[in-house]
């Protein structure tokens, strides 16, 4: 039997040390999960954002809904958001994962018309762009919008929606502004009435639609019925970001 002091023993010992020392490095290479919405203990740091003083706000609550600790929104001819600031490194954690559900899709909504710009559920990711990427016309447009609606108006936004008529995969400018892009992830009633999982490379969407320097600034969730006057109930749970090759970490 060779002792560690022998040449063969030293060889085996060096190989063992090399394997063991490589394990933490491999683990360190895997990006950490960034949790953005865990609602078991409360809604913080989410806070309600009301877009207009004369607009009836939604009603938000935290509840356990069929096993999920959820942020639940009740909307009835109303609109407001639950939002929080976020900082995401799209190089490390570009994929957003979440669970959501709706009781039913809206009936008369139509994302192609301002009068129909309502959704049973929607998740926003507001983006910040460098000044060098904003034209003079865009800067002027943003100044006007922020004067009317407040400083929360983003430079740009991705809006993932549960629509009632457009097919999954539809992408279009918002009916009010092309600075917000609507992306249909669910449509119709097929998946209504139960929790469904989503996984979306929001970093890739941001680069593709608004340029390579777009950065996440705010995350918001809601249901939206102020234009159609309809009624909706939606839930959101387990919102988190992971690496491009990493599985969602649903609990």
Protein backbone atom coordinates (compact mmCIF):
# COMPACT_ATOMS: atom_id res chain seq x y z
CA UNK A 1 0.00 0.00 0.00
CA UNK A 2 1.43 3.35 -0.97
CA UNK A 3 1.66 6.07 1.68
CA UNK A 4 0.80 9.70 0.82
CA UNK A 5 4.50 10.59 0.94
CA UNK A 6 5.30 8.25 -1.96
CA UNK A 7 5.11 9.52 -5.56
CA UNK A 8 1.96 7.48 -6.21
CA UNK A 9 0.37 8.70 -3.00
CA UNK A 10 1.15 12.31 -3.81
CA UNK A 11 -0.41 11.84 -7.27
CA UNK A 12 -3.66 10.48 -5.86
CA UNK A 13 -3.75 13.20 -3.21
CA UNK A 14 -3.30 15.95 -5.82
CA UNK A 15 -6.05 14.50 -7.97
CA UNK A 16 -8.43 14.33 -4.98
CA UNK A 17 -7.68 17.92 -3.98
CA UNK A 18 -8.26 19.03 -7.57
CA UNK A 19 -11.68 17.38 -7.72
CA UNK A 20 -12.79 18.74 -4.36
CA UNK A 21 -11.57 22.26 -5.09
CA UNK A 22 -13.43 22.24 -8.41
CA UNK A 23 -16.81 21.58 -6.77
CA UNK A 24 -17.33 25.03 -5.16
CA UNK A 25 -16.16 26.72 -8.35
CA UNK A 26 -18.74 24.84 -10.41
CA UNK A 27 -21.44 25.74 -7.91
CA UNK A 28 -20.33 29.36 -7.98
CA UNK A 29 -20.72 29.42 -11.75
CA UNK A 30 -24.45 28.67 -11.46
CA UNK A 31 -26.39 31.94 -11.09
CA UNK A 32 -28.38 32.34 -7.90
CA UNK A 33 -32.16 32.36 -8.03
CA UNK A 34 -33.48 35.92 -7.65
CA UNK A 35 -36.83 35.86 -5.86
CA UNK A 36 -39.09 38.78 -6.77
CA UNK A 37 -42.53 37.70 -5.53
CA UNK A 38 -42.95 35.30 -2.61
CA UNK A 39 -46.24 36.08 -0.93
CA UNK A 40 -46.33 33.67 2.00
CA UNK A 41 -45.41 36.37 4.54
CA UNK A 42 -46.78 39.51 2.92
CA UNK A 43 -46.90 41.68 -0.18
CA UNK A 44 -43.84 43.80 0.54
CA UNK A 45 -41.95 45.23 -1.26
CA UNK A 46 -44.86 45.43 -3.73
CA UNK A 47 -46.97 48.57 -3.42
CA UNK A 48 -50.05 49.76 -5.27
CA UNK A 49 -49.58 52.22 -8.11
CA UNK A 50 -52.62 54.19 -9.28
CA UNK A 51 -52.27 55.57 -12.77
CA UNK A 52 -54.98 58.25 -12.64
CA UNK A 53 -56.72 59.91 -9.73
CA UNK A 54 -60.16 59.49 -11.33
CA UNK A 55 -59.65 55.81 -12.23
CA UNK A 56 -61.29 53.23 -9.99
CA UNK A 57 -58.47 51.12 -8.49
CA UNK A 58 -58.34 47.35 -8.32
CA UNK A 59 -58.51 45.48 -5.02
CA UNK A 60 -55.45 43.45 -4.05
CA UNK A 61 -55.05 40.89 -1.31
CA UNK A 62 -52.72 38.14 -0.18
CA UNK A 63 -54.31 34.73 0.19
CA UNK A 64 -53.65 31.02 -0.16
CA UNK A 65 -55.42 29.97 -3.33
CA UNK A 66 -55.50 26.22 -3.93
CA UNK A 67 -52.15 25.67 -2.26
CA UNK A 68 -50.37 28.76 -3.57
CA UNK A 69 -49.43 31.75 -1.44
CA UNK A 70 -50.63 34.32 -3.94
CA UNK A 71 -51.12 37.97 -4.70
CA UNK A 72 -54.73 38.10 -5.87
CA UNK A 73 -56.24 40.99 -7.81
CA UNK A 74 -59.95 41.71 -8.14
CA UNK A 75 -60.81 44.02 -11.01
CA UNK A 76 -64.26 45.40 -11.83
CA UNK A 77 -64.26 48.28 -14.30
CA UNK A 78 -60.98 49.25 -12.64
CA UNK A 79 -57.22 49.46 -13.02
CA UNK A 80 -54.22 49.86 -10.74
CA UNK A 81 -50.96 47.94 -10.34
CA UNK A 82 -49.00 46.18 -7.66
CA UNK A 83 -45.40 47.04 -8.44
CA UNK A 84 -41.88 46.84 -7.05
CA UNK A 85 -38.49 48.08 -8.17
CA UNK A 86 -36.18 45.38 -9.50
CA UNK A 87 -32.55 45.07 -10.47
CA UNK A 88 -31.86 42.12 -12.75
CA UNK A 89 -28.59 41.28 -14.42
CA UNK A 90 -29.80 39.97 -17.77
CA UNK A 91 -26.38 38.37 -18.33
CA UNK A 92 -26.80 36.19 -15.24
CA UNK A 93 -30.54 35.78 -14.71
CA UNK A 94 -32.42 36.69 -17.91
CA UNK A 95 -35.29 34.20 -17.45
CA UNK A 96 -38.40 35.15 -15.50
CA UNK A 97 -40.52 32.38 -13.99
CA UNK A 98 -43.93 32.75 -12.39
CA UNK A 99 -47.28 31.08 -11.77
CA UNK A 100 -50.56 32.76 -12.57
CA UNK A 101 -54.21 31.96 -13.03
CA UNK A 102 -57.47 33.61 -14.04
CA UNK A 103 -61.07 32.69 -13.41
CA UNK A 104 -61.89 33.35 -17.07
CA UNK A 105 -60.70 35.48 -19.98
CA UNK A 106 -62.46 38.74 -20.65
CA UNK A 107 -65.28 38.68 -23.19
CA UNK A 108 -65.18 41.96 -25.08
CA UNK A 109 -61.53 43.03 -24.81
CA UNK A 110 -59.56 43.73 -27.98
CA UNK A 111 -55.88 44.61 -27.67
CA UNK A 112 -55.93 46.31 -31.07
CA UNK A 113 -58.28 49.07 -29.86
CA UNK A 114 -57.87 51.55 -27.01
CA UNK A 115 -61.44 50.89 -25.92
CA UNK A 116 -60.60 47.19 -25.65
CA UNK A 117 -57.16 47.41 -24.03
CA UNK A 118 -58.04 45.15 -21.06
CA UNK A 119 -56.72 41.78 -19.89
CA UNK A 120 -57.69 39.13 -17.35
CA UNK A 121 -54.06 39.13 -16.17
CA UNK A 122 -50.93 40.98 -17.14
CA UNK A 123 -47.34 41.11 -15.93
CA UNK A 124 -45.23 44.15 -16.76
CA UNK A 125 -41.49 44.50 -16.83
CA UNK A 126 -40.61 48.18 -17.10
CA UNK A 127 -37.26 48.99 -18.67
CA UNK A 128 -34.67 51.70 -18.35
CA UNK A 129 -32.69 52.77 -21.43
CA UNK A 130 -29.44 54.77 -21.57
CA UNK A 131 -29.85 58.37 -22.67
CA UNK A 132 -27.72 57.66 -25.74
CA UNK A 133 -30.41 55.26 -26.97
CA UNK A 134 -33.23 57.82 -26.61
CA UNK A 135 -33.88 60.22 -29.46
CA UNK A 136 -34.85 63.83 -28.85
CA UNK A 137 -38.40 62.99 -29.94
CA UNK A 138 -38.59 60.10 -27.45
CA UNK A 139 -37.27 62.26 -24.62
CA UNK A 140 -39.94 64.85 -25.36
CA UNK A 141 -42.60 62.13 -25.52
CA UNK A 142 -41.51 60.75 -22.14
CA UNK A 143 -41.55 64.20 -20.54
CA UNK A 144 -45.15 64.71 -21.64
CA UNK A 145 -46.21 61.25 -20.50
CA UNK A 146 -44.59 61.69 -17.08
CA UNK A 147 -46.19 65.09 -16.67
CA UNK A 148 -49.60 63.49 -17.30
CA UNK A 149 -49.22 60.14 -15.53
CA UNK A 150 -46.36 60.59 -13.09
CA UNK A 151 -42.70 59.61 -12.85
CA UNK A 152 -43.51 55.88 -12.94
CA UNK A 153 -43.90 55.99 -16.75
CA UNK A 154 -40.96 53.86 -17.98
CA UNK A 155 -38.65 54.36 -20.92
CA UNK A 156 -40.09 51.14 -22.34
CA UNK A 157 -41.97 48.07 -21.11
CA UNK A 158 -42.62 44.43 -21.86
CA UNK A 159 -46.18 43.39 -21.10
CA UNK A 160 -46.99 39.68 -20.85
CA UNK A 161 -50.73 39.13 -21.01
CA UNK A 162 -53.51 36.58 -20.74
CA UNK A 163 -55.64 37.64 -23.69
CA UNK A 164 -59.10 36.62 -24.82
CA UNK A 165 -58.77 36.44 -28.62
CA UNK A 166 -55.25 36.87 -30.01
CA UNK A 167 -53.29 33.62 -30.39
CA UNK A 168 -50.38 32.71 -28.13
CA UNK A 169 -47.20 34.19 -29.56
CA UNK A 170 -48.83 37.42 -30.76
CA UNK A 171 -46.61 40.49 -30.31
CA UNK A 172 -47.89 44.00 -30.94
CA UNK A 173 -47.45 47.58 -29.76
CA UNK A 174 -49.81 48.67 -27.04
CA UNK A 175 -52.90 50.49 -28.33
CA UNK A 176 -51.79 53.65 -26.51
CA UNK A 177 -48.02 53.64 -27.03
CA UNK A 178 -45.43 51.73 -29.01
CA UNK A 179 -43.08 52.05 -26.01
CA UNK A 180 -44.98 49.13 -24.49
CA UNK A 181 -44.97 45.82 -26.34
CA UNK A 182 -47.74 43.33 -25.71
CA UNK A 183 -46.77 39.64 -25.74
CA UNK A 184 -49.56 37.07 -25.52
CA UNK A 185 -48.51 34.08 -23.38
CA UNK A 186 -52.01 32.67 -22.72
CA UNK A 187 -55.22 33.14 -24.62
CA UNK A 188 -58.81 32.06 -24.08
CA UNK A 189 -60.28 29.77 -21.44
CA UNK A 190 -58.38 26.54 -22.04
CA UNK A 191 -56.05 27.02 -19.05
CA UNK A 192 -58.41 29.17 -16.95
CA UNK A 193 -59.38 28.05 -13.48
CA UNK A 194 -56.02 26.56 -12.52
CA UNK A 195 -52.43 27.57 -11.84
CA UNK A 196 -50.12 27.51 -14.85
CA UNK A 197 -46.35 27.97 -14.97
CA UNK A 198 -44.56 30.45 -17.18
CA UNK A 199 -40.91 30.67 -18.19
CA UNK A 200 -39.81 33.56 -20.38
CA UNK A 201 -36.40 34.88 -21.42
CA UNK A 202 -37.21 38.51 -20.71
CA UNK A 203 -33.59 39.51 -21.26
CA UNK A 204 -33.78 38.28 -24.83
CA UNK A 205 -37.12 40.05 -25.32
CA UNK A 206 -35.70 43.31 -23.98
CA UNK A 207 -32.66 43.17 -26.27
CA UNK A 208 -34.69 42.20 -29.31
CA UNK A 209 -37.39 44.85 -28.89
CA UNK A 210 -35.55 47.75 -27.22
CA UNK A 211 -31.83 47.27 -27.71
CA UNK A 212 -28.87 45.60 -25.99
CA UNK A 213 -28.59 48.16 -23.19
CA UNK A 214 -32.16 47.83 -21.86
CA UNK A 215 -32.25 47.17 -18.11
CA UNK A 216 -35.06 46.01 -15.83
CA UNK A 217 -36.42 48.78 -13.62
CA UNK A 218 -39.79 47.68 -12.23
CA UNK A 219 -42.00 44.60 -12.08
CA UNK A 220 -45.78 44.93 -11.85
CA UNK A 221 -48.79 42.61 -11.94
CA UNK A 222 -52.49 43.31 -12.35
CA UNK A 223 -55.80 42.57 -14.01
CA UNK A 224 -57.23 45.35 -16.16
CA UNK A 225 -60.92 46.06 -16.85
CA UNK A 226 -61.32 49.85 -16.88
CA UNK A 227 -62.03 50.09 -20.62
CA UNK A 228 -64.52 47.23 -20.98
CA UNK A 229 -66.15 47.51 -17.54
CA UNK A 230 -65.87 43.74 -17.10
CA UNK A 231 -64.95 41.76 -13.99
CA UNK A 232 -61.81 39.65 -13.49
CA UNK A 233 -59.94 37.81 -10.77
CA UNK A 234 -56.30 36.84 -11.25
CA UNK A 235 -53.57 35.40 -9.06
CA UNK A 236 -49.76 35.57 -9.21
CA UNK A 237 -47.26 33.46 -7.28
CA UNK A 238 -43.61 32.41 -7.06
CA UNK A 239 -42.11 35.12 -9.27
CA UNK A 240 -38.36 34.62 -9.67
CA UNK A 241 -35.49 34.93 -12.13
CA UNK A 242 -32.99 32.24 -13.10
CA UNK A 243 -30.14 31.69 -15.53
CA UNK A 244 -30.70 30.87 -19.19
CA UNK A 245 -29.84 27.19 -18.74
CA UNK A 246 -31.30 26.88 -15.27
CA UNK A 247 -34.65 25.31 -14.37
CA UNK A 248 -37.37 27.38 -12.74
CA UNK A 249 -37.41 26.82 -8.98
CA UNK A 250 -41.12 26.39 -8.30
CA UNK A 251 -41.71 25.15 -4.77
